[in-house]
Amino acid sequence: MRKGSQGNSRNVGGHAPVHDPFSSGSMVVVTLGNPRDKFWGVILSLSGEGLSMSGVELASFEDLVLMVKDGESFSPAVVFFPMHRIERIELDVPDGNLPSLSQRFSAKTGLDPATTLSSPLSSRGSDGVAGALVSAAPPTKEPA
């Protein structure tokens, strides 16, 4: 392996490193087989074994948008799909004049979908404020 080509970027033909578009934090639409289904969400991890992500079935996208917009609590599904079930992974990007699902989510809710879906414990109450997020860092004391 060439020096500087490790990690999430690679050096192509002496040019600047190319970012891996399917890295953790990327918004994607996944097409699954057996049974056939589509899932929208944020990549948590992608490996040879499969894909871990947080999101919703594509058929539930509009329901999720309405729940978030109305300030209802929600818990995105945190799922693992083994590689043999994955038919296709595509970046959630606009197609010509058609906005991506992430853009539609942001336009209707005012929130960033990757941030909103990235934590399994993210939930929103009636005040629209995100709930507690799991962190590896120890809790900090609040000023008195």
Protein backbone atom coordinates (compact mmCIF):
# COMPACT_ATOMS: atom_id res chain seq x y z
CA MET A 1 0.00 0.00 0.00
CA ARG A 2 1.32 3.42 -0.92
CA LYS A 3 2.24 5.90 1.82
CA GLY A 4 -0.58 8.35 2.53
CA SER A 5 -3.21 6.04 1.06
CA GLN A 6 -4.44 4.57 4.31
CA GLY A 7 -7.60 5.50 6.17
CA ASN A 8 -10.66 7.13 4.67
CA SER A 9 -8.79 8.85 1.88
CA ARG A 10 -6.49 7.71 -0.86
CA ASN A 11 -3.95 9.41 -3.04
CA VAL A 12 -5.00 8.97 -6.66
CA GLY A 13 -2.39 9.58 -9.34
CA GLY A 14 -0.41 12.02 -7.19
CA HIS A 15 -3.46 14.27 -6.73
CA ALA A 16 -4.96 15.39 -3.46
CA PRO A 17 -6.47 12.59 -1.32
CA VAL A 18 -10.02 11.50 -2.20
CA HIS A 19 -12.51 11.30 0.70
CA ASP A 20 -14.36 7.98 1.13
CA PRO A 21 -17.99 8.90 0.41
CA PHE A 22 -19.31 5.91 2.37
CA SER A 23 -17.60 6.71 5.67
CA SER A 24 -19.22 7.03 9.07
CA GLY A 25 -21.62 9.99 9.15
CA SER A 26 -22.64 9.81 5.47
CA MET A 27 -26.36 9.93 4.67
CA VAL A 28 -27.39 7.03 2.43
CA VAL A 29 -30.29 5.08 0.99
CA VAL A 30 -29.79 1.31 1.20
CA THR A 31 -31.63 -1.19 -0.97
CA LEU A 32 -31.94 -4.60 0.67
CA GLY A 33 -32.89 -8.01 -0.67
CA ASN A 34 -34.63 -10.99 0.97
CA PRO A 35 -36.97 -9.35 1.89
CA ARG A 36 -36.80 -6.37 -0.45
CA ASP A 37 -36.74 -3.10 1.48
CA LYS A 38 -35.21 0.37 1.46
CA PHE A 39 -33.71 2.17 4.42
CA TRP A 40 -32.65 5.84 4.82
CA GLY A 41 -30.20 7.02 7.41
CA VAL A 42 -26.67 7.76 8.55
CA ILE A 43 -23.80 5.27 8.34
CA LEU A 44 -22.41 4.30 11.72
CA SER A 45 -19.99 1.70 10.35
CA LEU A 46 -19.34 -0.09 7.04
CA SER A 47 -17.16 -3.20 6.88
CA GLY A 48 -16.81 -6.42 4.95
CA GLU A 49 -19.30 -8.02 7.32
CA GLY A 50 -22.03 -5.46 6.73
CA LEU A 51 -23.46 -2.03 7.39
CA SER A 52 -24.46 -0.50 10.73
CA MET A 53 -26.69 2.53 10.45
CA SER A 54 -29.24 4.65 12.24
CA GLY A 55 -32.38 5.68 10.41
CA VAL A 56 -35.81 4.60 9.22
CA GLU A 57 -37.44 2.47 6.56
CA LEU A 58 -37.92 4.65 3.51
CA ALA A 59 -41.67 4.02 3.68
CA SER A 60 -41.69 5.75 7.11
CA PHE A 61 -39.73 8.84 6.03
CA GLU A 62 -42.72 11.22 5.88
CA ASP A 63 -44.00 9.96 9.24
CA LEU A 64 -40.60 10.65 10.80
CA VAL A 65 -40.53 14.18 9.34
CA LEU A 66 -43.98 14.91 10.78
CA MET A 67 -43.02 13.53 14.21
CA VAL A 68 -39.87 15.65 14.34
CA LYS A 69 -41.67 18.72 13.01
CA ASP A 70 -44.41 18.31 15.66
CA GLY A 71 -41.81 17.92 18.43
CA GLU A 72 -42.79 14.34 19.25
CA SER A 73 -40.30 11.93 20.77
CA PHE A 74 -38.72 9.45 18.39
CA SER A 75 -36.00 6.85 18.39
CA PRO A 76 -34.32 6.08 15.09
CA ALA A 77 -33.72 2.41 14.42
CA VAL A 78 -30.11 1.35 14.91
CA VAL A 79 -29.64 -1.64 12.64
CA PHE A 80 -27.00 -3.94 11.20
CA PHE A 81 -27.48 -5.34 7.71
CA PRO A 82 -25.20 -8.24 6.78
CA MET A 83 -23.46 -7.72 3.44
CA HIS A 84 -25.34 -10.59 1.76
CA ARG A 85 -28.63 -8.62 2.18
CA ILE A 86 -27.29 -5.38 0.72
CA GLU A 87 -28.04 -4.91 -2.97
CA ARG A 88 -27.09 -1.25 -3.22
CA ILE A 89 -25.88 1.67 -1.10
CA GLU A 90 -26.30 5.11 -2.62
CA LEU A 91 -25.40 8.49 -1.24
CA ASP A 92 -28.40 10.64 -0.39
CA VAL A 93 -27.62 13.44 -2.83
CA PRO A 94 -29.85 15.66 -5.01
CA ASP A 95 -30.75 14.40 -8.48
CA GLY A 96 -30.84 17.38 -10.80
CA ASN A 97 -33.60 19.65 -9.50
CA LEU A 98 -34.93 16.99 -7.10
CA PRO A 99 -33.72 17.56 -3.52
CA SER A 100 -32.19 14.70 -1.54
CA LEU A 101 -34.13 13.17 1.32
CA SER A 102 -31.70 14.89 3.70
CA GLN A 103 -32.47 18.27 2.10
CA ARG A 104 -36.21 17.59 2.38
CA PHE A 105 -35.78 16.60 6.04
CA SER A 106 -33.80 19.78 6.79
CA ALA A 107 -36.23 22.03 4.90
CA LYS A 108 -39.24 20.66 6.81
CA THR A 109 -37.70 20.35 10.28
CA GLY A 110 -34.84 22.86 10.34
CA LEU A 111 -32.54 20.12 11.66
CA ASP A 112 -29.48 18.34 10.30
CA PRO A 113 -30.48 14.71 9.61
CA ALA A 114 -27.02 13.22 10.27
CA THR A 115 -26.89 14.85 13.70
CA THR A 116 -30.51 14.01 14.46
CA LEU A 117 -30.12 10.32 13.55
CA SER A 118 -26.55 9.72 14.68
CA SER A 119 -27.30 8.79 18.27
CA PRO A 120 -29.48 5.82 19.22
CA LEU A 121 -30.71 7.79 22.23
CA SER A 122 -31.44 11.00 20.36
CA SER A 123 -35.02 11.93 20.96
CA ARG A 124 -36.85 15.18 20.86
CA GLY A 125 -39.42 16.29 23.34
CA SER A 126 -42.14 18.86 22.86
CA ASP A 127 -39.57 21.63 23.23
CA GLY A 128 -37.70 20.34 20.15
CA VAL A 129 -34.45 20.04 22.08
CA ALA A 130 -32.35 16.94 21.54
CA GLY A 131 -32.25 14.46 24.38
CA ALA A 132 -29.13 13.09 26.00
CA LEU A 133 -26.47 11.72 23.71
CA VAL A 134 -24.23 8.81 24.64
CA SER A 135 -20.63 9.91 24.91
CA ALA A 136 -17.38 8.19 25.73
CA ALA A 137 -16.31 11.28 27.68
CA PRO A 138 -17.04 11.36 31.40
CA PRO A 139 -19.85 13.67 32.49
CA THR A 140 -18.87 17.20 33.40
CA LYS A 141 -20.10 19.09 36.41
CA GLU A 142 -22.40 22.01 35.71
CA PRO A 143 -21.60 25.33 37.39
CA ALA A 144 -23.61 25.96 40.57
